[in-house]
Amino acid sequence: MSPHRTLKRAAATAAVAALAIVGGAVTAAPASAASCSVSWGSTAKKSAPMSSRELTNVRSGRHKCYDRLVIDLNGAAATSTGYDVRYVPAVVQDGSGLPVPLRGAADLQIVLKAPAYDTNGDPTYSPADPDELVNVSGYSTFRQVAYAGSFEGMTTIGLGVRARLPMRVKRIAGPSTGQRLVIDVAHHW
C-alpha cells in the first residue's frame, strides 16, 4: 500500500472515530431529564362553562414525571364542564367556608362547575372517607386528596401537594358520553 493511501485511510478512520465520539456525546444525555421537562407553570387554570354533567368518581395515578388526579363525570352535555384549579392559602368547604386541612406544603383547590348530586338532590358521588378520597401514599407529589363538598351546582376538591409545582388541567371525552377532568402535577420544576 502506498504511503499516500495509508495516510488517507488513517485520516478517514480518525474522522469516523471523531464522529462516533461526538455522536455518542450528543446522544449520551440522559433521556429522563429531557422527557420530564415541563412548561406548564403554576398559575390558575380555568374554563367558564357550567354543565349538566355530574361528578361520579375521583381516582389517581402515578406517572414517571407527574402525579395525576382524574375526576369522572357522567352524562351528555352541550358544553364541556368548566373548572377553576389554583393554588390557594387554604382550601375551604363549600357552603360553610370552613378550612379543609391538607397534608403537604401547598394546597391546590379544584372547583368543578358540576354538582356531585342529581336533579333530585341524590348524591352521584358519595365518598366513604371525605378526608381521603384516594390513597396517594407513596406518590412523589400528591400528599392528600379531600372532598370539600358540593353546593349550588359546584363541587370542590382539595389536593395537598409536596410543594407549589407546575400543573396542567385538561378535559378528556369518555367513558361513554361522559367526560374526565385530568389534573397533572409535575414532580419537579
Foldseek 3Di string as FASTA:
>chain_A
DDPVVVVVVVVVVVVVVVCVVVVCVVVVPDPLVVVQDDDQDQAKDKDDDAWLWAWAAWEWDADSWWTKIKTWTDDATPDDKIKIKHWDPFDAAPPPRHTQDFDADIKIKIKTQAFQAHPVRHGNYDAPAQFARDDCPPHLWWGGKGWRHGDPRMTMIMTHTHHSAGKDWDKDADDPNIIMIMIIGTNHD
